[in-house]
Amino acid sequence: MTTYGTIPTSSSTQGPSGEYISRAKERIKAGLGARRPWKLMFNFRSFNFPSPFREVFGRIRSNVAYFRMNYAIVMLLILFLSLLWHPISLIVFIIMMAAWLFLYFLRDEPLVLFGKTVDDRVVLIVLSVVTIVLLFLTHATVNILVALLIGVVLVVVHAGLRKTDDLSVDEENSGLLTTPAASSSST
């Protein structure tokens, strides 16, 4: 017996495009959830000037490793805002943002090319270079350079002033993040 006027609600009748969209929504939620919490990044009690100046470089290295995804979001946001008055550059940027979403932010599995696993840092560097080169081809050079300079200055200042003693070491960054307790025990 058939029933007329009912709307199918099961996921099996969505088709491939419906499944893809629902999977993309899940990956967006999970991918953005993988970034470090903004409250932790901007915890004002965690900011001070390092006493020995050589400690700045260790802080920058540790914070960049720990807040890598947050810093990438900040840089991309600054770049996006700088391109609002250049429509062609903005179109190229939006296309590259789609590549960023699928190849860096929303991946739940490691990227594998020709049977070899590609490290997240390599993906980050390649996407950054390709994005910048394509944007330079749109003749928005001054906007791009100013945006990159502002972004790099903000990241370096934040990473240099933020203490690293409240950051937890996880399996993913265990070789990259050295907390003061870990570095003092090795000396």
N, C-alpha and C. Protein backbone atom coordinates (compact mmCIF):
# COMPACT_ATOMS: atom_id res chain seq x y z
N MET A 1 0.84 -1.17 0.00
CA MET A 1 0.00 0.00 0.00
C MET A 1 0.89 1.24 0.00
N THR A 2 0.60 2.18 -0.86
CA THR A 2 1.37 3.42 -0.94
C THR A 2 0.64 4.53 -0.21
N THR A 3 1.41 5.40 0.36
CA THR A 3 0.82 6.55 1.03
C THR A 3 1.24 7.79 0.26
N TYR A 4 0.27 8.58 -0.08
CA TYR A 4 0.52 9.79 -0.83
C TYR A 4 0.60 10.98 0.12
N GLY A 5 1.45 11.94 -0.25
CA GLY A 5 1.55 13.17 0.53
C GLY A 5 2.51 13.09 1.70
N THR A 6 3.24 12.00 1.81
CA THR A 6 4.22 11.92 2.90
C THR A 6 5.59 12.31 2.36
N ILE A 7 6.37 12.88 3.22
CA ILE A 7 7.73 13.29 2.84
C ILE A 7 8.69 12.31 3.49
N PRO A 8 9.51 11.65 2.66
CA PRO A 8 10.47 10.71 3.23
C PRO A 8 11.51 11.46 4.07
N THR A 9 11.83 10.91 5.23
CA THR A 9 12.78 11.56 6.12
C THR A 9 14.01 10.74 6.40
N SER A 10 14.11 9.55 5.89
CA SER A 10 15.29 8.73 6.17
C SER A 10 16.47 9.23 5.34
N SER A 11 17.68 8.99 5.88
CA SER A 11 18.88 9.47 5.19
C SER A 11 19.16 8.67 3.93
N SER A 12 18.59 7.47 3.81
CA SER A 12 18.86 6.66 2.63
C SER A 12 18.21 7.23 1.38
N THR A 13 17.19 8.06 1.52
CA THR A 13 16.53 8.64 0.35
C THR A 13 17.08 10.01 -0.01
N GLN A 14 18.10 10.50 0.75
CA GLN A 14 18.66 11.80 0.44
C GLN A 14 19.47 11.80 -0.84
N GLY A 15 20.05 10.71 -1.18
CA GLY A 15 20.90 10.66 -2.35
C GLY A 15 22.31 11.06 -1.99
N PRO A 16 23.20 10.99 -2.97
CA PRO A 16 24.61 11.27 -2.68
C PRO A 16 24.87 12.73 -2.28
N SER A 17 24.15 13.68 -2.87
CA SER A 17 24.40 15.08 -2.53
C SER A 17 23.93 15.40 -1.12
N GLY A 18 22.82 14.84 -0.69
CA GLY A 18 22.34 15.06 0.67
C GLY A 18 23.27 14.48 1.71
N GLU A 19 23.79 13.28 1.42
CA GLU A 19 24.74 12.67 2.33
C GLU A 19 26.02 13.49 2.39
N TYR A 20 26.45 14.01 1.27
CA TYR A 20 27.67 14.81 1.22
C TYR A 20 27.50 16.08 2.05
N ILE A 21 26.36 16.74 1.93
CA ILE A 21 26.10 17.97 2.67
C ILE A 21 26.04 17.70 4.16
N SER A 22 25.35 16.63 4.56
CA SER A 22 25.27 16.33 5.99
C SER A 22 26.64 15.94 6.54
N ARG A 23 27.43 15.21 5.76
CA ARG A 23 28.78 14.87 6.19
C ARG A 23 29.66 16.11 6.29
N ALA A 24 29.48 17.06 5.35
CA ALA A 24 30.25 18.31 5.39
C ALA A 24 29.89 19.12 6.62
N LYS A 25 28.60 19.16 6.99
CA LYS A 25 28.20 19.88 8.20
C LYS A 25 28.85 19.27 9.43
N GLU A 26 28.86 17.95 9.50
CA GLU A 26 29.49 17.27 10.63
C GLU A 26 30.97 17.56 10.68
N ARG A 27 31.62 17.56 9.52
CA ARG A 27 33.06 17.82 9.47
C ARG A 27 33.37 19.26 9.83
N ILE A 28 32.49 20.21 9.48
CA ILE A 28 32.71 21.60 9.85
C ILE A 28 32.65 21.75 11.36
N LYS A 29 31.65 21.15 11.97
CA LYS A 29 31.54 21.21 13.43
C LYS A 29 32.74 20.56 14.09
N ALA A 30 33.12 19.38 13.63
CA ALA A 30 34.25 18.68 14.22
C ALA A 30 35.57 19.39 13.93
N GLY A 31 35.72 19.92 12.72
CA GLY A 31 36.96 20.59 12.34
C GLY A 31 37.18 21.87 13.11
N LEU A 32 36.14 22.67 13.26
CA LEU A 32 36.27 23.89 14.03
C LEU A 32 36.39 23.59 15.51
N GLY A 33 35.91 22.45 15.92
CA GLY A 33 36.07 22.05 17.30
C GLY A 33 37.49 21.60 17.61
N ALA A 34 38.28 21.26 16.58
CA ALA A 34 39.64 20.81 16.78
C ALA A 34 40.60 21.97 17.05
N ARG A 35 40.20 23.17 16.74
CA ARG A 35 41.06 24.32 17.03
C ARG A 35 41.09 24.51 18.54
N ARG A 36 42.08 25.24 18.99
CA ARG A 36 42.20 25.50 20.42
C ARG A 36 41.16 26.53 20.83
N PRO A 37 40.65 26.46 22.06
CA PRO A 37 39.63 27.42 22.50
C PRO A 37 40.17 28.85 22.50
N TRP A 38 39.35 29.77 22.01
CA TRP A 38 39.75 31.18 21.95
C TRP A 38 39.96 31.73 23.35
N LYS A 39 39.19 31.24 24.33
CA LYS A 39 39.37 31.71 25.72
C LYS A 39 40.76 31.36 26.22
N LEU A 40 41.25 30.19 25.87
CA LEU A 40 42.59 29.79 26.27
C LEU A 40 43.63 30.64 25.55
N MET A 41 43.38 30.92 24.29
CA MET A 41 44.33 31.71 23.51
C MET A 41 44.43 33.13 24.04
N PHE A 42 43.32 33.70 24.47
CA PHE A 42 43.30 35.09 24.92
C PHE A 42 43.09 35.22 26.43
N ASN A 43 43.58 34.25 27.20
CA ASN A 43 43.53 34.32 28.65
C ASN A 43 44.54 35.38 29.09
N PHE A 44 44.05 36.54 29.53
CA PHE A 44 44.93 37.68 29.80
C PHE A 44 45.88 37.43 30.97
N ARG A 45 45.59 36.47 31.84
CA ARG A 45 46.51 36.14 32.92
C ARG A 45 47.72 35.37 32.40
N SER A 46 47.64 34.92 31.16
CA SER A 46 48.74 34.16 30.58
C SER A 46 49.70 35.03 29.78
N PHE A 47 49.55 36.34 29.86
CA PHE A 47 50.42 37.24 29.12
C PHE A 47 51.37 37.94 30.07
N ASN A 48 52.63 37.96 29.71
CA ASN A 48 53.63 38.78 30.39
C ASN A 48 54.86 38.88 29.50
N PHE A 49 55.75 39.79 29.87
CA PHE A 49 56.99 39.92 29.14
C PHE A 49 57.96 38.86 29.65
N PRO A 50 58.59 38.13 28.75
CA PRO A 50 59.54 37.11 29.20
C PRO A 50 60.76 37.77 29.85
N SER A 51 61.21 37.20 30.97
CA SER A 51 62.33 37.81 31.68
C SER A 51 63.64 37.70 30.89
N PRO A 52 64.13 36.51 30.57
CA PRO A 52 65.26 36.50 29.64
C PRO A 52 64.74 36.60 28.21
N PHE A 53 65.38 37.43 27.42
CA PHE A 53 64.90 37.66 26.06
C PHE A 53 64.93 36.39 25.21
N ARG A 54 65.86 35.49 25.47
CA ARG A 54 65.95 34.26 24.66
C ARG A 54 64.73 33.36 24.85
N GLU A 55 63.97 33.58 25.92
CA GLU A 55 62.76 32.79 26.17
C GLU A 55 61.67 33.11 25.14
N VAL A 56 61.74 34.28 24.51
CA VAL A 56 60.74 34.70 23.53
C VAL A 56 60.67 33.70 22.37
N PHE A 57 61.81 33.27 21.88
CA PHE A 57 61.82 32.37 20.73
C PHE A 57 61.22 31.01 21.06
N GLY A 58 61.46 30.53 22.26
CA GLY A 58 60.83 29.28 22.70
C GLY A 58 59.33 29.42 22.84
N ARG A 59 58.90 30.57 23.36
CA ARG A 59 57.46 30.84 23.47
C ARG A 59 56.82 30.89 22.09
N ILE A 60 57.46 31.59 21.18
CA ILE A 60 56.89 31.71 19.82
C ILE A 60 56.77 30.33 19.20
N ARG A 61 57.83 29.53 19.30
CA ARG A 61 57.79 28.19 18.70
C ARG A 61 56.69 27.33 19.33
N SER A 62 56.58 27.37 20.65
CA SER A 62 55.58 26.56 21.35
C SER A 62 54.16 27.02 21.04
N ASN A 63 53.94 28.34 21.10
CA ASN A 63 52.59 28.86 20.87
C ASN A 63 52.16 28.67 19.42
N VAL A 64 53.08 28.84 18.48
CA VAL A 64 52.71 28.62 17.07
C VAL A 64 52.35 27.15 16.84
N ALA A 65 53.08 26.25 17.48
CA ALA A 65 52.76 24.83 17.33
C ALA A 65 51.41 24.51 17.98
N TYR A 66 51.15 25.11 19.13
CA TYR A 66 49.94 24.80 19.88
C TYR A 66 48.69 25.46 19.27
N PHE A 67 48.81 26.73 18.88
CA PHE A 67 47.66 27.47 18.35
C PHE A 67 47.71 27.59 16.83
N ARG A 68 48.30 26.63 16.16
CA ARG A 68 48.50 26.68 14.71
C ARG A 68 47.21 26.96 13.96
N MET A 69 46.15 26.24 14.27
CA MET A 69 44.88 26.43 13.55
C MET A 69 44.27 27.80 13.86
N ASN A 70 44.35 28.24 15.10
CA ASN A 70 43.82 29.55 15.47
C ASN A 70 44.56 30.66 14.73
N TYR A 71 45.89 30.54 14.67
CA TYR A 71 46.67 31.54 13.96
C TYR A 71 46.35 31.54 12.46
N ALA A 72 46.13 30.37 11.89
CA ALA A 72 45.75 30.31 10.47
C ALA A 72 44.41 31.00 10.25
N ILE A 73 43.45 30.80 11.16
CA ILE A 73 42.15 31.47 11.05
C ILE A 73 42.31 32.97 11.15
N VAL A 74 43.14 33.44 12.07
CA VAL A 74 43.37 34.89 12.22
C VAL A 74 43.99 35.46 10.96
N MET A 75 45.01 34.79 10.43
CA MET A 75 45.67 35.28 9.20
C MET A 75 44.69 35.32 8.03
N LEU A 76 43.89 34.28 7.87
CA LEU A 76 42.94 34.24 6.76
C LEU A 76 41.85 35.30 6.93
N LEU A 77 41.42 35.56 8.14
CA LEU A 77 40.43 36.60 8.39
C LEU A 77 40.98 37.98 8.04
N ILE A 78 42.21 38.26 8.44
CA ILE A 78 42.83 39.54 8.11
C ILE A 78 42.99 39.67 6.60
N LEU A 79 43.41 38.61 5.94
CA LEU A 79 43.55 38.64 4.49
C LEU A 79 42.21 38.86 3.81
N PHE A 80 41.17 38.19 4.29
CA PHE A 80 39.82 38.37 3.75
C PHE A 80 39.37 39.82 3.88
N LEU A 81 39.55 40.41 5.04
CA LEU A 81 39.12 41.79 5.26
C LEU A 81 39.88 42.77 4.37
N SER A 82 41.12 42.47 4.07
CA SER A 82 41.90 43.36 3.21
C SER A 82 41.48 43.29 1.75
N LEU A 83 40.78 42.23 1.37
CA LEU A 83 40.39 42.05 -0.03
C LEU A 83 38.95 42.45 -0.33
N LEU A 84 38.26 43.01 0.63
CA LEU A 84 36.85 43.36 0.41
C LEU A 84 36.64 44.33 -0.74
N TRP A 85 37.62 45.17 -1.04
CA TRP A 85 37.46 46.16 -2.11
C TRP A 85 38.09 45.71 -3.43
N HIS A 86 38.47 44.45 -3.52
CA HIS A 86 39.02 43.87 -4.75
C HIS A 86 38.21 42.61 -5.09
N PRO A 87 37.15 42.78 -5.89
CA PRO A 87 36.24 41.63 -6.11
C PRO A 87 36.89 40.40 -6.74
N ILE A 88 37.78 40.59 -7.71
CA ILE A 88 38.41 39.43 -8.35
C ILE A 88 39.28 38.70 -7.33
N SER A 89 40.03 39.46 -6.54
CA SER A 89 40.85 38.85 -5.50
C SER A 89 39.99 38.14 -4.48
N LEU A 90 38.86 38.71 -4.18
CA LEU A 90 37.95 38.10 -3.21
C LEU A 90 37.39 36.78 -3.73
N ILE A 91 37.09 36.71 -5.01
CA ILE A 91 36.61 35.46 -5.62
C ILE A 91 37.70 34.39 -5.54
N VAL A 92 38.93 34.77 -5.89
CA VAL A 92 40.05 33.82 -5.80
C VAL A 92 40.23 33.37 -4.36
N PHE A 93 40.12 34.31 -3.43
CA PHE A 93 40.27 33.99 -2.02
C PHE A 93 39.19 33.02 -1.56
N ILE A 94 37.96 33.23 -1.98
CA ILE A 94 36.87 32.33 -1.58
C ILE A 94 37.09 30.92 -2.14
N ILE A 95 37.58 30.84 -3.36
CA ILE A 95 37.89 29.53 -3.94
C ILE A 95 39.01 28.86 -3.14
N MET A 96 40.01 29.64 -2.78
CA MET A 96 41.10 29.08 -1.98
C MET A 96 40.63 28.71 -0.58
N MET A 97 39.66 29.45 -0.05
CA MET A 97 39.11 29.11 1.26
C MET A 97 38.43 27.74 1.21
N ALA A 98 37.79 27.44 0.10
CA ALA A 98 37.20 26.11 -0.04
C ALA A 98 38.29 25.04 0.02
N ALA A 99 39.41 25.32 -0.65
CA ALA A 99 40.54 24.38 -0.58
C ALA A 99 41.06 24.27 0.85
N TRP A 100 41.16 25.41 1.54
CA TRP A 100 41.59 25.39 2.95
C TRP A 100 40.65 24.56 3.80
N LEU A 101 39.36 24.74 3.60
CA LEU A 101 38.38 24.01 4.40
C LEU A 101 38.54 22.50 4.23
N PHE A 102 38.63 22.06 2.98
CA PHE A 102 38.65 20.63 2.73
C PHE A 102 40.02 20.00 2.95
N LEU A 103 41.10 20.75 2.71
CA LEU A 103 42.43 20.15 2.83
C LEU A 103 43.11 20.39 4.17
N TYR A 104 42.63 21.38 4.95
CA TYR A 104 43.30 21.66 6.21
C TYR A 104 42.35 21.67 7.41
N PHE A 105 41.32 22.49 7.36
CA PHE A 105 40.48 22.67 8.54
C PHE A 105 39.54 21.50 8.80
N LEU A 106 38.98 20.89 7.77
CA LEU A 106 37.93 19.90 7.97
C LEU A 106 38.36 18.45 7.76
N ARG A 107 39.63 18.23 7.56
CA ARG A 107 40.10 16.86 7.38
C ARG A 107 40.06 16.11 8.70
N ASP A 108 39.49 14.93 8.70
CA ASP A 108 39.51 14.11 9.90
C ASP A 108 40.52 12.97 9.77
N GLU A 109 41.09 12.82 8.60
CA GLU A 109 42.10 11.80 8.36
C GLU A 109 43.33 12.49 7.77
N PRO A 110 44.51 11.92 7.94
CA PRO A 110 45.70 12.51 7.34
C PRO A 110 45.61 12.52 5.82
N LEU A 111 46.18 13.53 5.21
CA LEU A 111 46.19 13.64 3.75
C LEU A 111 47.24 12.67 3.20
N VAL A 112 46.84 11.86 2.23
CA VAL A 112 47.74 10.88 1.65
C VAL A 112 47.85 11.16 0.16
N LEU A 113 49.09 11.40 -0.30
CA LEU A 113 49.37 11.60 -1.72
C LEU A 113 50.38 10.57 -2.18
N PHE A 114 50.08 9.86 -3.24
CA PHE A 114 50.94 8.84 -3.81
C PHE A 114 51.40 7.83 -2.76
N GLY A 115 50.48 7.47 -1.86
CA GLY A 115 50.76 6.47 -0.85
C GLY A 115 51.55 6.96 0.35
N LYS A 116 51.86 8.27 0.41
CA LYS A 116 52.62 8.82 1.54
C LYS A 116 51.76 9.80 2.30
N THR A 117 51.84 9.76 3.61
CA THR A 117 51.09 10.68 4.46
C THR A 117 51.78 12.03 4.47
N VAL A 118 50.99 13.09 4.25
CA VAL A 118 51.52 14.44 4.22
C VAL A 118 51.25 15.10 5.59
N ASP A 119 52.31 15.66 6.18
CA ASP A 119 52.21 16.31 7.48
C ASP A 119 51.35 17.56 7.39
N ASP A 120 50.65 17.88 8.48
CA ASP A 120 49.79 19.07 8.52
C ASP A 120 50.57 20.35 8.26
N ARG A 121 51.80 20.42 8.73
CA ARG A 121 52.62 21.62 8.51
C ARG A 121 52.91 21.82 7.03
N VAL A 122 53.14 20.72 6.31
CA VAL A 122 53.39 20.82 4.87
C VAL A 122 52.13 21.30 4.16
N VAL A 123 50.98 20.78 4.54
CA VAL A 123 49.71 21.22 3.96
C VAL A 123 49.50 22.70 4.23
N LEU A 124 49.78 23.13 5.45
CA LEU A 124 49.64 24.54 5.82
C LEU A 124 50.55 25.43 4.98
N ILE A 125 51.79 25.05 4.81
CA ILE A 125 52.75 25.85 4.04
C ILE A 125 52.36 25.89 2.57
N VAL A 126 52.02 24.74 2.00
CA VAL A 126 51.65 24.70 0.57
C VAL A 126 50.39 25.52 0.31
N LEU A 127 49.36 25.35 1.14
CA LEU A 127 48.14 26.14 0.95
C LEU A 127 48.42 27.63 1.11
N SER A 128 49.25 28.01 2.05
CA SER A 128 49.59 29.42 2.25
C SER A 128 50.28 29.99 1.02
N VAL A 129 51.27 29.27 0.51
CA VAL A 129 52.02 29.75 -0.66
C VAL A 129 51.11 29.83 -1.89
N VAL A 130 50.32 28.80 -2.14
CA VAL A 130 49.41 28.81 -3.30
C VAL A 130 48.40 29.94 -3.19
N THR A 131 47.85 30.15 -2.00
CA THR A 131 46.88 31.24 -1.80
C THR A 131 47.52 32.59 -2.09
N ILE A 132 48.70 32.82 -1.56
CA ILE A 132 49.36 34.11 -1.75
C ILE A 132 49.76 34.31 -3.21
N VAL A 133 50.30 33.28 -3.86
CA VAL A 133 50.69 33.42 -5.27
C VAL A 133 49.48 33.73 -6.14
N LEU A 134 48.38 32.99 -5.95
CA LEU A 134 47.18 33.25 -6.76
C LEU A 134 46.62 34.64 -6.49
N LEU A 135 46.68 35.10 -5.25
CA LEU A 135 46.19 36.44 -4.94
C LEU A 135 47.10 37.52 -5.53
N PHE A 136 48.41 37.27 -5.56
CA PHE A 136 49.31 38.23 -6.19
C PHE A 136 49.02 38.35 -7.69
N LEU A 137 48.57 37.29 -8.30
CA LEU A 137 48.24 37.33 -9.73
C LEU A 137 47.00 38.18 -10.01
N THR A 138 46.24 38.53 -8.97
CA THR A 138 45.05 39.37 -9.16
C THR A 138 45.35 40.84 -8.96
N HIS A 139 46.62 41.21 -8.82
CA HIS A 139 47.06 42.60 -8.72
C HIS A 139 46.55 43.33 -7.49
N ALA A 140 46.48 42.65 -6.37
CA ALA A 140 46.12 43.27 -5.10
C ALA A 140 47.33 43.19 -4.17
N THR A 141 48.50 43.43 -4.73
CA THR A 141 49.76 43.21 -4.03
C THR A 141 49.87 44.01 -2.74
N VAL A 142 49.56 45.29 -2.78
CA VAL A 142 49.72 46.13 -1.60
C VAL A 142 48.79 45.66 -0.48
N ASN A 143 47.55 45.37 -0.82
CA ASN A 143 46.61 44.89 0.20
C ASN A 143 47.09 43.57 0.82
N ILE A 144 47.58 42.68 -0.01
CA ILE A 144 48.03 41.38 0.47
C ILE A 144 49.25 41.53 1.38
N LEU A 145 50.21 42.33 0.94
CA LEU A 145 51.42 42.51 1.74
C LEU A 145 51.13 43.17 3.08
N VAL A 146 50.26 44.19 3.08
CA VAL A 146 49.90 44.86 4.34
C VAL A 146 49.15 43.88 5.25
N ALA A 147 48.23 43.11 4.69
CA ALA A 147 47.48 42.14 5.49
C ALA A 147 48.40 41.08 6.08
N LEU A 148 49.33 40.57 5.26
CA LEU A 148 50.27 39.56 5.76
C LEU A 148 51.18 40.13 6.83
N LEU A 149 51.63 41.36 6.63
CA LEU A 149 52.49 42.00 7.64
C LEU A 149 51.74 42.19 8.95
N ILE A 150 50.51 42.69 8.88
CA ILE A 150 49.70 42.86 10.09
C ILE A 150 49.46 41.51 10.77
N GLY A 151 49.12 40.50 9.99
CA GLY A 151 48.88 39.17 10.55
C GLY A 151 50.10 38.57 11.21
N VAL A 152 51.25 38.66 10.56
CA VAL A 152 52.48 38.10 11.12
C VAL A 152 52.87 38.85 12.39
N VAL A 153 52.74 40.18 12.38
CA VAL A 153 53.05 40.95 13.58
C VAL A 153 52.13 40.55 14.74
N LEU A 154 50.83 40.42 14.47
CA LEU A 154 49.90 40.01 15.53
C LEU A 154 50.23 38.63 16.07
N VAL A 155 50.52 37.69 15.19
CA VAL A 155 50.84 36.33 15.61
C VAL A 155 52.13 36.30 16.43
N VAL A 156 53.17 36.99 15.96
CA VAL A 156 54.45 36.97 16.66
C VAL A 156 54.34 37.67 18.02
N VAL A 157 53.63 38.79 18.07
CA VAL A 157 53.46 39.49 19.35
C VAL A 157 52.67 38.62 20.32
N HIS A 158 51.57 38.03 19.85
CA HIS A 158 50.78 37.16 20.73
C HIS A 158 51.61 35.96 21.19
N ALA A 159 52.28 35.31 20.25
CA ALA A 159 53.05 34.11 20.60
C ALA A 159 54.23 34.44 21.51
N GLY A 160 54.81 35.61 21.36
CA GLY A 160 55.93 35.99 22.20
C GLY A 160 55.54 36.40 23.60
N LEU A 161 54.36 36.99 23.76
CA LEU A 161 53.92 37.47 25.07
C LEU A 161 53.13 36.45 25.86
N ARG A 162 52.59 35.43 25.19
CA ARG A 162 51.76 34.46 25.90
C ARG A 162 52.63 33.38 26.52
N LYS A 163 52.45 33.19 27.84
CA LYS A 163 53.20 32.14 28.55
C LYS A 163 52.75 30.78 28.04
N THR A 164 53.65 29.81 28.16
CA THR A 164 53.33 28.46 27.68
C THR A 164 53.15 27.47 28.81
N ASP A 165 53.26 27.90 30.07
CA ASP A 165 53.19 26.94 31.16
C ASP A 165 51.79 26.38 31.41
N ASP A 166 50.75 27.01 30.87
CA ASP A 166 49.39 26.48 31.06
C ASP A 166 48.90 25.68 29.85
N LEU A 167 49.75 25.47 28.86
CA LEU A 167 49.37 24.70 27.69
C LEU A 167 49.67 23.23 27.94
N SER A 168 48.72 22.38 27.59
CA SER A 168 48.93 20.94 27.80
C SER A 168 49.53 20.34 26.55
N VAL A 169 50.38 19.39 26.74
CA VAL A 169 51.00 18.68 25.64
C VAL A 169 50.09 17.53 25.26
N ASP A 170 49.77 17.42 23.97
CA ASP A 170 48.98 16.28 23.52
C ASP A 170 49.82 15.43 22.58
N GLU A 171 49.27 14.31 22.16
CA GLU A 171 50.01 13.38 21.33
C GLU A 171 50.42 14.00 20.00
N GLU A 172 49.54 14.83 19.44
CA GLU A 172 49.79 15.39 18.11
C GLU A 172 50.98 16.32 18.13
N ASN A 173 51.14 17.13 19.16
CA ASN A 173 52.19 18.13 19.20
C ASN A 173 53.27 17.79 20.23
N SER A 174 53.37 16.55 20.65
CA SER A 174 54.29 16.23 21.74
C SER A 174 55.73 16.55 21.39
N GLY A 175 56.10 16.45 20.14
CA GLY A 175 57.46 16.79 19.76
C GLY A 175 57.65 18.26 19.50
N LEU A 176 56.59 19.01 19.33
CA LEU A 176 56.69 20.42 18.97
C LEU A 176 56.57 21.34 20.16
N LEU A 177 55.80 20.97 21.15
CA LEU A 177 55.51 21.86 22.26
C LEU A 177 56.33 21.46 23.46
N THR A 178 57.18 22.37 23.91
CA THR A 178 57.95 22.09 25.12
C THR A 178 57.53 23.10 26.17
N THR A 179 57.01 22.59 27.25
CA THR A 179 56.61 23.46 28.34
C THR A 179 57.83 23.74 29.20
N PRO A 180 57.82 24.80 30.01
CA PRO A 180 58.97 25.09 30.84
C PRO A 180 59.34 23.94 31.76
N ALA A 181 58.37 23.20 32.28
CA ALA A 181 58.67 22.06 33.16
C ALA A 181 59.42 20.99 32.39
N ALA A 182 59.01 20.73 31.15
CA ALA A 182 59.67 19.70 30.34
C ALA A 182 61.06 20.14 29.94
N SER A 183 61.25 21.42 29.62
CA SER A 183 62.56 21.87 29.20
C SER A 183 63.52 21.99 30.37
N SER A 184 63.02 22.29 31.59
CA SER A 184 63.91 22.40 32.75
C SER A 184 64.36 21.03 33.22
N SER A 185 63.53 20.00 33.02
CA SER A 185 63.93 18.66 33.44
C SER A 185 64.99 18.08 32.53
N SER A 186 65.07 18.57 31.30
CA SER A 186 66.05 18.03 30.37
C SER A 186 67.40 18.70 30.51
N THR A 187 67.50 19.82 31.25
CA THR A 187 68.78 20.52 31.40
C THR A 187 69.50 20.14 32.65
